[in-house]
Amino acid sequence: MATERDPDIVEPEALRGGSLLFDGLDQMDLTGPFEVFSRMSNSTYRLYGRSTAPVRDMHGLVLQADATLAEAPQLDLLHIPGGPGQEALMENDEVLDWIRRQATGARLVFSVCTGALLLGAAGMLIGRRATTHWASFHLLPLFGAIPVDERVVMDDKLVFAAGVTAGIDGALRVAAALRGDEQAQAIQLWMQYAPEPPFSAGTPETAPAQVAAAARAEVKAVTAQREETARRVAVRLGVTRARLTRRGPRAAYGREAGNQSGRLHEVHGEVCAPMRVDTMIRRTHG
């Protein structure tokens, strides 16, 4: 027997969410947030790729898109994961144009790990506070971004999570923004997300020196390639004098540097305001 709907219960508006799927991504950048977003009320979540052919993540896990980029509707939540495969898309017009178009109409745009570099290649980081994986953090100024050394950084409709597992933290922040704190807390509870790692080695600063040195050596080649690509993108975006810094961001950028608004930065020796997505699209295609 059907029960009557309580007239005092207001259903949240429907949400469409979607992730960019590509070969060589880090599946945790994708599946961690997916675990959160798939639990949000009155929402759908799909994977979109350049094709619907299966792809493999950086460790060989097979994943498949639900639909192509061209078939994607306008999304309310756009999720861009990272991983080594991001590098192959940094100058791919089809993907970058799709990101820009979706970002224009999305309520929130969420990147995880080096997914932030794809947003940078799309011209979306100019004047924005951002974070990414520690191995690529120093590249953010090349995209006109203000690097902020935090696990999750929110700037207007852009949300950035640092490396890999930070995607879960960021996704919970996104869920709270879209569905309220109580629902986000319920999702966290159902996931039993209360991490107690056995070691304090989750950042280069807290890891043993020999562990951090080995990790940096392991990613040296891919980081060098990313830097080379980032410099080409910087020229295309006109951020040719953005200084590549290896100093800690707390010494040079963001609120810790006296920029209490966290919304302005210096490029070409001038103070630049954050660029709106629609303005960025006009400049890129103008």
C-alpha atoms as a PDB file:
ATOM      1  CA  MET A   1       0.000   0.000   0.000  1.00  0.00           C
ATOM      2  CA  ALA A   2       1.424   3.368  -1.008  1.00  0.00           C
ATOM      3  CA  THR A   3       2.008   5.896   1.719  1.00  0.00           C
ATOM      4  CA  GLU A   4       1.227   9.571   1.374  1.00  0.00           C
ATOM      5  CA  ARG A   5       4.143  11.907   0.973  1.00  0.00           C
ATOM      6  CA  ASP A   6       4.700  14.249   3.899  1.00  0.00           C
ATOM      7  CA  PRO A   7       3.966  17.722   2.470  1.00  0.00           C
ATOM      8  CA  ASP A   8       6.470  19.253   4.895  1.00  0.00           C
ATOM      9  CA  ILE A   9       9.366  17.272   3.400  1.00  0.00           C
ATOM     10  CA  VAL A  10      10.987  19.217   0.590  1.00  0.00           C
ATOM     11  CA  GLU A  11      13.069  17.123  -1.781  1.00  0.00           C
ATOM     12  CA  PRO A  12      16.354  18.740  -2.816  1.00  0.00           C
ATOM     13  CA  GLU A  13      16.604  19.686  -6.445  1.00  0.00           C
ATOM     14  CA  ALA A  14      18.059  17.028  -8.713  1.00  0.00           C
ATOM     15  CA  LEU A  15      21.792  17.165  -9.292  1.00  0.00           C
ATOM     16  CA  ARG A  16      23.790  15.874 -12.229  1.00  0.00           C
ATOM     17  CA  GLY A  17      27.389  15.021 -11.452  1.00  0.00           C
ATOM     18  CA  GLY A  18      30.086  13.601 -13.638  1.00  0.00           C
ATOM     19  CA  SER A  19      33.765  12.747 -13.767  1.00  0.00           C
ATOM     20  CA  LEU A  20      36.259  12.951 -16.604  1.00  0.00           C
ATOM     21  CA  LEU A  21      37.596   9.454 -17.294  1.00  0.00           C
ATOM     22  CA  PHE A  22      40.902   8.938 -19.086  1.00  0.00           C
ATOM     23  CA  ASP A  23      43.623   6.383 -19.533  1.00  0.00           C
ATOM     24  CA  GLY A  24      46.300   6.465 -16.854  1.00  0.00           C
ATOM     25  CA  LEU A  25      44.331   8.277 -14.169  1.00  0.00           C
ATOM     26  CA  ASP A  26      44.750   7.349 -10.511  1.00  0.00           C
ATOM     27  CA  GLN A  27      41.594   5.402  -9.706  1.00  0.00           C
ATOM     28  CA  MET A  28      41.552   6.694  -6.114  1.00  0.00           C
ATOM     29  CA  ASP A  29      41.206  10.237  -7.449  1.00  0.00           C
ATOM     30  CA  LEU A  30      38.038   8.977  -9.138  1.00  0.00           C
ATOM     31  CA  THR A  31      36.591   6.289  -6.880  1.00  0.00           C
ATOM     32  CA  GLY A  32      37.170   8.030  -3.552  1.00  0.00           C
ATOM     33  CA  PRO A  33      34.976  11.007  -4.499  1.00  0.00           C
ATOM     34  CA  PHE A  34      32.585   8.708  -6.386  1.00  0.00           C
ATOM     35  CA  GLU A  35      31.908   6.891  -3.102  1.00  0.00           C
ATOM     36  CA  VAL A  36      30.773  10.204  -1.644  1.00  0.00           C
ATOM     37  CA  PHE A  37      28.933  11.680  -4.606  1.00  0.00           C
ATOM     38  CA  SER A  38      27.017   8.493  -5.412  1.00  0.00           C
ATOM     39  CA  ARG A  39      25.425   8.712  -1.948  1.00  0.00           C
ATOM     40  CA  MET A  40      24.088  12.263  -2.306  1.00  0.00           C
ATOM     41  CA  SER A  41      20.303  12.456  -2.367  1.00  0.00           C
ATOM     42  CA  ASN A  42      18.353  12.988  -5.584  1.00  0.00           C
ATOM     43  CA  SER A  43      21.446  12.945  -7.750  1.00  0.00           C
ATOM     44  CA  THR A  44      22.959  10.980 -10.606  1.00  0.00           C
ATOM     45  CA  TYR A  45      26.635  10.471 -11.238  1.00  0.00           C
ATOM     46  CA  ARG A  46      28.241   9.313 -14.462  1.00  0.00           C
ATOM     47  CA  LEU A  47      31.666   8.901 -16.032  1.00  0.00           C
ATOM     48  CA  TYR A  48      32.476  10.653 -19.313  1.00  0.00           C
ATOM     49  CA  GLY A  49      35.389   9.964 -21.634  1.00  0.00           C
ATOM     50  CA  ARG A  50      36.648  10.709 -25.116  1.00  0.00           C
ATOM     51  CA  SER A  51      35.117   7.334 -26.007  1.00  0.00           C
ATOM     52  CA  THR A  52      33.320   4.575 -24.145  1.00  0.00           C
ATOM     53  CA  ALA A  53      36.133   2.101 -24.717  1.00  0.00           C
ATOM     54  CA  PRO A  54      37.612   0.663 -21.504  1.00  0.00           C
ATOM     55  CA  VAL A  55      40.655   2.427 -20.070  1.00  0.00           C
ATOM     56  CA  ARG A  56      43.158   1.381 -17.436  1.00  0.00           C
ATOM     57  CA  ASP A  57      44.186   3.385 -14.440  1.00  0.00           C
ATOM     58  CA  MET A  58      47.877   3.872 -13.627  1.00  0.00           C
ATOM     59  CA  HIS A  59      48.017   0.478 -11.940  1.00  0.00           C
ATOM     60  CA  GLY A  60      45.942  -1.455 -14.478  1.00  0.00           C
ATOM     61  CA  LEU A  61      42.403  -1.281 -13.079  1.00  0.00           C
ATOM     62  CA  VAL A  62      39.924  -1.355 -15.982  1.00  0.00           C
ATOM     63  CA  LEU A  63      37.282   1.377 -16.026  1.00  0.00           C
ATOM     64  CA  GLN A  64      34.689   2.364 -18.623  1.00  0.00           C
ATOM     65  CA  ALA A  65      32.841   5.586 -19.321  1.00  0.00           C
ATOM     66  CA  ASP A  66      29.060   5.717 -19.331  1.00  0.00           C
ATOM     67  CA  ALA A  67      29.060   8.109 -22.288  1.00  0.00           C
ATOM     68  CA  THR A  68      31.310  10.286 -24.409  1.00  0.00           C
ATOM     69  CA  LEU A  69      32.156  13.904 -23.693  1.00  0.00           C
ATOM     70  CA  ALA A  70      29.883  15.002 -26.525  1.00  0.00           C
ATOM     71  CA  GLU A  71      26.966  13.091 -24.998  1.00  0.00           C
ATOM     72  CA  ALA A  72      27.312  14.628 -21.544  1.00  0.00           C
ATOM     73  CA  PRO A  73      24.514  16.953 -20.442  1.00  0.00           C
ATOM     74  CA  GLN A  74      25.322  20.139 -18.585  1.00  0.00           C
ATOM     75  CA  LEU A  75      26.619  18.980 -15.216  1.00  0.00           C
ATOM     76  CA  ASP A  76      25.960  20.617 -11.866  1.00  0.00           C
ATOM     77  CA  LEU A  77      29.116  19.065 -10.429  1.00  0.00           C
ATOM     78  CA  LEU A  78      32.182  18.548 -12.602  1.00  0.00           C
ATOM     79  CA  HIS A  79      34.900  16.307 -11.176  1.00  0.00           C
ATOM     80  CA  ILE A  80      38.402  16.205 -12.700  1.00  0.00           C
ATOM     81  CA  PRO A  81      40.706  13.487 -11.285  1.00  0.00           C
ATOM     82  CA  GLY A  82      44.453  13.299 -11.805  1.00  0.00           C
ATOM     83  CA  GLY A  83      47.162  10.739 -12.362  1.00  0.00           C
ATOM     84  CA  PRO A  84      50.016  10.293 -14.855  1.00  0.00           C
ATOM     85  CA  GLY A  85      47.581  10.136 -17.771  1.00  0.00           C
ATOM     86  CA  GLN A  86      46.681  13.769 -17.173  1.00  0.00           C
ATOM     87  CA  GLU A  87      49.854  14.783 -18.991  1.00  0.00           C
ATOM     88  CA  ALA A  88      48.551  13.458 -22.338  1.00  0.00           C
ATOM     89  CA  LEU A  89      45.501  15.747 -22.100  1.00  0.00           C
ATOM     90  CA  MET A  90      47.224  19.017 -21.232  1.00  0.00           C
ATOM     91  CA  GLU A  91      47.153  20.250 -24.828  1.00  0.00           C
ATOM     92  CA  ASN A  92      44.135  18.295 -26.026  1.00  0.00           C
ATOM     93  CA  ASP A  93      41.629  20.828 -27.345  1.00  0.00           C
ATOM     94  CA  GLU A  94      38.685  18.419 -27.215  1.00  0.00           C
ATOM     95  CA  VAL A  95      39.127  17.755 -23.503  1.00  0.00           C
ATOM     96  CA  LEU A  96      40.072  21.300 -22.505  1.00  0.00           C
ATOM     97  CA  ASP A  97      37.145  22.799 -24.439  1.00  0.00           C
ATOM     98  CA  TRP A  98      34.795  20.313 -22.744  1.00  0.00           C
ATOM     99  CA  ILE A  99      36.117  21.223 -19.305  1.00  0.00           C
ATOM    100  CA  ARG A 100      35.655  24.934 -19.999  1.00  0.00           C
ATOM    101  CA  ARG A 101      32.115  24.505 -21.345  1.00  0.00           C
ATOM    102  CA  GLN A 102      31.036  22.325 -18.456  1.00  0.00           C
ATOM    103  CA  ALA A 103      32.668  24.604 -15.904  1.00  0.00           C
ATOM    104  CA  THR A 104      30.702  27.594 -17.199  1.00  0.00           C
ATOM    105  CA  GLY A 105      27.354  26.068 -16.233  1.00  0.00           C
ATOM    106  CA  ALA A 106      28.405  23.891 -13.286  1.00  0.00           C
ATOM    107  CA  ARG A 107      27.586  24.835  -9.725  1.00  0.00           C
ATOM    108  CA  LEU A 108      30.897  23.426  -8.511  1.00  0.00           C
ATOM    109  CA  VAL A 109      34.080  22.249 -10.215  1.00  0.00           C
ATOM    110  CA  PHE A 110      36.163  19.802  -8.183  1.00  0.00           C
ATOM    111  CA  SER A 111      39.693  18.664  -8.983  1.00  0.00           C
ATOM    112  CA  VAL A 112      41.724  16.012  -7.226  1.00  0.00           C
ATOM    113  CA  CYS A 113      45.501  15.696  -7.308  1.00  0.00           C
ATOM    114  CA  THR A 114      46.959  16.664 -10.707  1.00  0.00           C
ATOM    115  CA  GLY A 115      43.469  17.174 -12.071  1.00  0.00           C
ATOM    116  CA  ALA A 116      44.196  20.755 -11.004  1.00  0.00           C
ATOM    117  CA  LEU A 117      46.803  20.954 -13.770  1.00  0.00           C
ATOM    118  CA  LEU A 118      44.114  20.169 -16.333  1.00  0.00           C
ATOM    119  CA  LEU A 119      42.064  23.059 -14.965  1.00  0.00           C
ATOM    120  CA  GLY A 120      45.219  25.139 -15.259  1.00  0.00           C
ATOM    121  CA  ALA A 121      45.708  24.108 -18.878  1.00  0.00           C
ATOM    122  CA  ALA A 122      42.092  25.157 -19.513  1.00  0.00           C
ATOM    123  CA  GLY A 123      42.959  28.618 -18.173  1.00  0.00           C
ATOM    124  CA  MET A 124      40.836  28.295 -15.062  1.00  0.00           C
ATOM    125  CA  LEU A 125      43.466  28.850 -12.355  1.00  0.00           C
ATOM    126  CA  ILE A 126      44.423  32.451 -13.122  1.00  0.00           C
ATOM    127  CA  GLY A 127      44.118  34.385  -9.859  1.00  0.00           C
ATOM    128  CA  ARG A 128      42.698  31.380  -8.028  1.00  0.00           C
ATOM    129  CA  ARG A 129      43.835  29.799  -4.786  1.00  0.00           C
ATOM    130  CA  ALA A 130      44.581  26.152  -5.521  1.00  0.00           C
ATOM    131  CA  THR A 131      46.351  23.014  -4.398  1.00  0.00           C
ATOM    132  CA  THR A 132      47.443  19.745  -5.972  1.00  0.00           C
ATOM    133  CA  HIS A 133      49.691  16.742  -5.266  1.00  0.00           C
ATOM    134  CA  TRP A 134      52.891  17.703  -3.456  1.00  0.00           C
ATOM    135  CA  ALA A 135      55.076  16.585  -6.385  1.00  0.00           C
ATOM    136  CA  SER A 136      53.396  19.091  -8.727  1.00  0.00           C
ATOM    137  CA  PHE A 137      52.572  21.816  -6.234  1.00  0.00           C
ATOM    138  CA  HIS A 138      55.447  24.033  -7.404  1.00  0.00           C
ATOM    139  CA  LEU A 139      53.961  24.100 -10.932  1.00  0.00           C
ATOM    140  CA  LEU A 140      50.789  25.932  -9.938  1.00  0.00           C
ATOM    141  CA  PRO A 141      52.227  29.468 -10.437  1.00  0.00           C
ATOM    142  CA  LEU A 142      52.878  28.641 -14.090  1.00  0.00           C
ATOM    143  CA  PHE A 143      49.107  28.505 -14.529  1.00  0.00           C
ATOM    144  CA  GLY A 144      48.622  31.827 -12.729  1.00  0.00           C
ATOM    145  CA  ALA A 145      47.406  30.146  -9.545  1.00  0.00           C
ATOM    146  CA  ILE A 146      48.036  31.068  -5.922  1.00  0.00           C
ATOM    147  CA  PRO A 147      49.421  27.853  -4.373  1.00  0.00           C
ATOM    148  CA  VAL A 148      47.952  27.094  -0.947  1.00  0.00           C
ATOM    149  CA  ASP A 149      49.456  24.254   1.080  1.00  0.00           C
ATOM    150  CA  GLU A 150      46.217  22.825   2.433  1.00  0.00           C
ATOM    151  CA  ARG A 151      44.495  19.483   1.980  1.00  0.00           C
ATOM    152  CA  VAL A 152      41.370  21.111   0.515  1.00  0.00           C
ATOM    153  CA  VAL A 153      41.139  24.610  -0.954  1.00  0.00           C
ATOM    154  CA  MET A 154      37.888  26.304  -1.971  1.00  0.00           C
ATOM    155  CA  ASP A 155      37.797  29.409  -4.159  1.00  0.00           C
ATOM    156  CA  ASP A 156      34.350  30.472  -5.291  1.00  0.00           C
ATOM    157  CA  LYS A 157      32.934  27.573  -7.377  1.00  0.00           C
ATOM    158  CA  LEU A 158      36.303  25.816  -7.638  1.00  0.00           C
ATOM    159  CA  VAL A 159      37.270  23.158  -5.098  1.00  0.00           C
ATOM    160  CA  PHE A 160      40.729  21.605  -5.074  1.00  0.00           C
ATOM    161  CA  ALA A 161      41.891  18.518  -3.202  1.00  0.00           C
ATOM    162  CA  ALA A 162      45.583  17.746  -2.812  1.00  0.00           C
ATOM    163  CA  GLY A 163      46.938  14.279  -3.541  1.00  0.00           C
ATOM    164  CA  VAL A 164      44.913  11.099  -3.952  1.00  0.00           C
ATOM    165  CA  THR A 165      43.210  10.431  -0.580  1.00  0.00           C
ATOM    166  CA  ALA A 166      42.556  14.143  -0.108  1.00  0.00           C
ATOM    167  CA  GLY A 167      39.849  13.603  -2.723  1.00  0.00           C
ATOM    168  CA  ILE A 168      37.625  12.042  -0.060  1.00  0.00           C
ATOM    169  CA  ASP A 169      38.028  15.066   2.200  1.00  0.00           C
ATOM    170  CA  GLY A 170      37.315  17.389  -0.699  1.00  0.00           C
ATOM    171  CA  ALA A 171      34.310  15.373  -1.819  1.00  0.00           C
ATOM    172  CA  LEU A 172      32.784  15.619   1.646  1.00  0.00           C
ATOM    173  CA  ARG A 173      33.262  19.395   1.523  1.00  0.00           C
ATOM    174  CA  VAL A 174      31.527  19.427  -1.860  1.00  0.00           C
ATOM    175  CA  ALA A 175      28.675  17.264  -0.536  1.00  0.00           C
ATOM    176  CA  ALA A 176      28.237  19.674   2.369  1.00  0.00           C
ATOM    177  CA  ALA A 177      28.126  22.636  -0.006  1.00  0.00           C
ATOM    178  CA  LEU A 178      25.514  20.985  -2.244  1.00  0.00           C
ATOM    179  CA  ARG A 179      23.460  18.994   0.265  1.00  0.00           C
ATOM    180  CA  GLY A 180      24.251  20.457   3.676  1.00  0.00           C
ATOM    181  CA  ASP A 181      26.480  19.461   6.559  1.00  0.00           C
ATOM    182  CA  GLU A 182      24.087  16.880   7.990  1.00  0.00           C
ATOM    183  CA  GLN A 183      23.917  14.832   4.804  1.00  0.00           C
ATOM    184  CA  ALA A 184      27.686  15.051   4.350  1.00  0.00           C
ATOM    185  CA  GLN A 185      28.153  13.852   7.910  1.00  0.00           C
ATOM    186  CA  ALA A 186      25.775  10.947   7.293  1.00  0.00           C
ATOM    187  CA  ILE A 187      27.766   9.968   4.203  1.00  0.00           C
ATOM    188  CA  GLN A 188      30.979  10.104   6.206  1.00  0.00           C
ATOM    189  CA  LEU A 189      29.406   7.887   8.865  1.00  0.00           C
ATOM    190  CA  TRP A 190      28.162   5.284   6.368  1.00  0.00           C
ATOM    191  CA  MET A 191      31.637   5.217   4.829  1.00  0.00           C
ATOM    192  CA  GLN A 192      33.101   4.934   8.345  1.00  0.00           C
ATOM    193  CA  TYR A 193      35.612   7.503   7.216  1.00  0.00           C
ATOM    194  CA  ALA A 194      37.670   8.070  10.358  1.00  0.00           C
ATOM    195  CA  PRO A 195      41.236   7.421   9.171  1.00  0.00           C
ATOM    196  CA  GLU A 196      43.906   6.419  11.662  1.00  0.00           C
ATOM    197  CA  PRO A 197      47.021   5.851   9.534  1.00  0.00           C
ATOM    198  CA  PRO A 198      49.752   3.760  11.148  1.00  0.00           C
ATOM    199  CA  PHE A 199      52.444   6.268  10.172  1.00  0.00           C
ATOM    200  CA  SER A 200      52.848  10.034   9.954  1.00  0.00           C
ATOM    201  CA  ALA A 201      54.340   9.843   6.465  1.00  0.00           C
ATOM    202  CA  GLY A 202      51.538  11.417   4.469  1.00  0.00           C
ATOM    203  CA  THR A 203      53.436  14.570   3.470  1.00  0.00           C
ATOM    204  CA  PRO A 204      57.065  15.230   2.492  1.00  0.00           C
ATOM    205  CA  GLU A 205      57.420  17.295   5.661  1.00  0.00           C
ATOM    206  CA  THR A 206      56.295  14.511   8.006  1.00  0.00           C
ATOM    207  CA  ALA A 207      57.721  11.472   6.182  1.00  0.00           C
ATOM    208  CA  PRO A 208      61.167  10.165   7.159  1.00  0.00           C
ATOM    209  CA  ALA A 209      63.838  11.934   5.119  1.00  0.00           C
ATOM    210  CA  GLN A 210      64.910   8.797   3.267  1.00  0.00           C
ATOM    211  CA  VAL A 211      61.315   7.960   2.359  1.00  0.00           C
ATOM    212  CA  ALA A 212      60.650  11.469   1.054  1.00  0.00           C
ATOM    213  CA  ALA A 213      63.889  11.464  -0.944  1.00  0.00           C
ATOM    214  CA  ALA A 214      63.041   8.115  -2.555  1.00  0.00           C
ATOM    215  CA  ALA A 215      59.549   9.321  -3.435  1.00  0.00           C
ATOM    216  CA  ARG A 216      60.886  12.484  -5.064  1.00  0.00           C
ATOM    217  CA  ALA A 217      63.387  10.451  -7.068  1.00  0.00           C
ATOM    218  CA  GLU A 218      60.623   8.122  -8.245  1.00  0.00           C
ATOM    219  CA  VAL A 219      58.529  10.963  -9.667  1.00  0.00           C
ATOM    220  CA  LYS A 220      61.436  13.060 -10.944  1.00  0.00           C
ATOM    221  CA  ALA A 221      61.014  12.154 -14.610  1.00  0.00           C
ATOM    222  CA  VAL A 222      57.241  12.654 -14.788  1.00  0.00           C
ATOM    223  CA  THR A 223      57.541  15.891 -12.803  1.00  0.00           C
ATOM    224  CA  ALA A 224      60.130  17.193 -15.271  1.00  0.00           C
ATOM    225  CA  GLN A 225      57.790  16.372 -18.165  1.00  0.00           C
ATOM    226  CA  ARG A 226      54.920  18.103 -16.406  1.00  0.00           C
ATOM    227  CA  GLU A 227      57.056  21.187 -15.894  1.00  0.00           C
ATOM    228  CA  GLU A 228      58.014  21.296 -19.563  1.00  0.00           C
ATOM    229  CA  THR A 229      54.353  21.071 -20.559  1.00  0.00           C
ATOM    230  CA  ALA A 230      53.330  23.622 -17.935  1.00  0.00           C
ATOM    231  CA  ARG A 231      55.823  26.131 -19.307  1.00  0.00           C
ATOM    232  CA  ARG A 232      54.349  25.776 -22.804  1.00  0.00           C
ATOM    233  CA  VAL A 233      50.866  26.248 -21.387  1.00  0.00           C
ATOM    234  CA  ALA A 234      52.053  29.300 -19.436  1.00  0.00           C
ATOM    235  CA  VAL A 235      53.200  30.929 -22.668  1.00  0.00           C
ATOM    236  CA  ARG A 236      49.866  30.155 -24.319  1.00  0.00           C
ATOM    237  CA  LEU A 237      47.989  31.631 -21.349  1.00  0.00           C
ATOM    238  CA  GLY A 238      50.238  34.662 -21.188  1.00  0.00           C
ATOM    239  CA  VAL A 239      51.598  33.765 -17.750  1.00  0.00           C
ATOM    240  CA  THR A 240      55.147  33.822 -19.079  1.00  0.00           C
ATOM    241  CA  ARG A 241      56.703  35.545 -16.089  1.00  0.00           C
ATOM    242  CA  ALA A 242      55.064  33.509 -13.370  1.00  0.00           C
ATOM    243  CA  ARG A 243      57.994  32.445 -11.251  1.00  0.00           C
ATOM    244  CA  LEU A 244      58.466  28.775 -10.563  1.00  0.00           C
ATOM    245  CA  THR A 245      59.125  28.622  -6.835  1.00  0.00           C
ATOM    246  CA  ARG A 246      60.241  25.760  -4.663  1.00  0.00           C
ATOM    247  CA  ARG A 247      59.793  27.735  -1.471  1.00  0.00           C
ATOM    248  CA  GLY A 248      56.989  26.778   0.832  1.00  0.00           C
ATOM    249  CA  PRO A 249      53.729  28.466  -0.181  1.00  0.00           C
ATOM    250  CA  ARG A 250      53.238  29.759   3.325  1.00  0.00           C
ATOM    251  CA  ALA A 251      56.306  31.936   2.772  1.00  0.00           C
ATOM    252  CA  ALA A 252      55.186  33.338  -0.557  1.00  0.00           C
ATOM    253  CA  TYR A 253      51.482  33.013  -1.259  1.00  0.00           C
ATOM    254  CA  GLY A 254      47.960  33.279   0.058  1.00  0.00           C
ATOM    255  CA  ARG A 255      46.758  34.418   3.461  1.00  0.00           C
ATOM    256  CA  GLU A 256      50.023  33.523   5.174  1.00  0.00           C
ATOM    257  CA  ALA A 257      51.807  36.127   3.028  1.00  0.00           C
ATOM    258  CA  GLY A 258      49.500  38.876   4.222  1.00  0.00           C
ATOM    259  CA  ASN A 259      46.965  38.474   1.422  1.00  0.00           C
ATOM    260  CA  GLN A 260      43.961  38.224   3.683  1.00  0.00           C
ATOM    261  CA  SER A 261      41.496  37.992   0.820  1.00  0.00           C
ATOM    262  CA  GLY A 262      43.373  35.132  -0.795  1.00  0.00           C
ATOM    263  CA  ARG A 263      41.955  36.369  -4.103  1.00  0.00           C
ATOM    264  CA  LEU A 264      44.727  38.416  -5.739  1.00  0.00           C
ATOM    265  CA  HIS A 265      48.174  37.496  -6.953  1.00  0.00           C
ATOM    266  CA  GLU A 266      51.042  38.869  -9.018  1.00  0.00           C
ATOM    267  CA  VAL A 267      51.671  37.894 -12.625  1.00  0.00           C
ATOM    268  CA  HIS A 268      53.769  39.982 -15.052  1.00  0.00           C
ATOM    269  CA  GLY A 269      54.424  42.279 -12.089  1.00  0.00           C
ATOM    270  CA  GLU A 270      50.755  43.249 -11.950  1.00  0.00           C
ATOM    271  CA  VAL A 271      48.066  42.385  -9.458  1.00  0.00           C
ATOM    272  CA  CYS A 272      45.463  40.296 -11.231  1.00  0.00           C
ATOM    273  CA  ALA A 273      41.934  39.515 -10.135  1.00  0.00           C
ATOM    274  CA  PRO A 274      40.585  35.968 -10.506  1.00  0.00           C
ATOM    275  CA  MET A 275      39.307  35.314 -14.002  1.00  0.00           C
ATOM    276  CA  ARG A 276      35.701  34.270 -14.463  1.00  0.00           C
ATOM    277  CA  VAL A 277      35.181  31.092 -16.434  1.00  0.00           C
ATOM    278  CA  ASP A 278      33.152  32.776 -19.173  1.00  0.00           C
ATOM    279  CA  THR A 279      35.825  35.469 -19.566  1.00  0.00           C
ATOM    280  CA  MET A 280      38.468  32.782 -19.753  1.00  0.00           C
ATOM    281  CA  ILE A 281      36.601  31.042 -22.563  1.00  0.00           C
ATOM    282  CA  ARG A 282      36.381  34.246 -24.580  1.00  0.00           C
ATOM    283  CA  ARG A 283      40.097  34.893 -24.153  1.00  0.00           C
ATOM    284  CA  THR A 284      41.067  31.345 -25.055  1.00  0.00           C
ATOM    285  CA  HIS A 285      38.991  31.328 -28.241  1.00  0.00           C
ATOM    286  CA  GLY A 286      39.159  34.992 -29.064  1.00  0.00           C
END
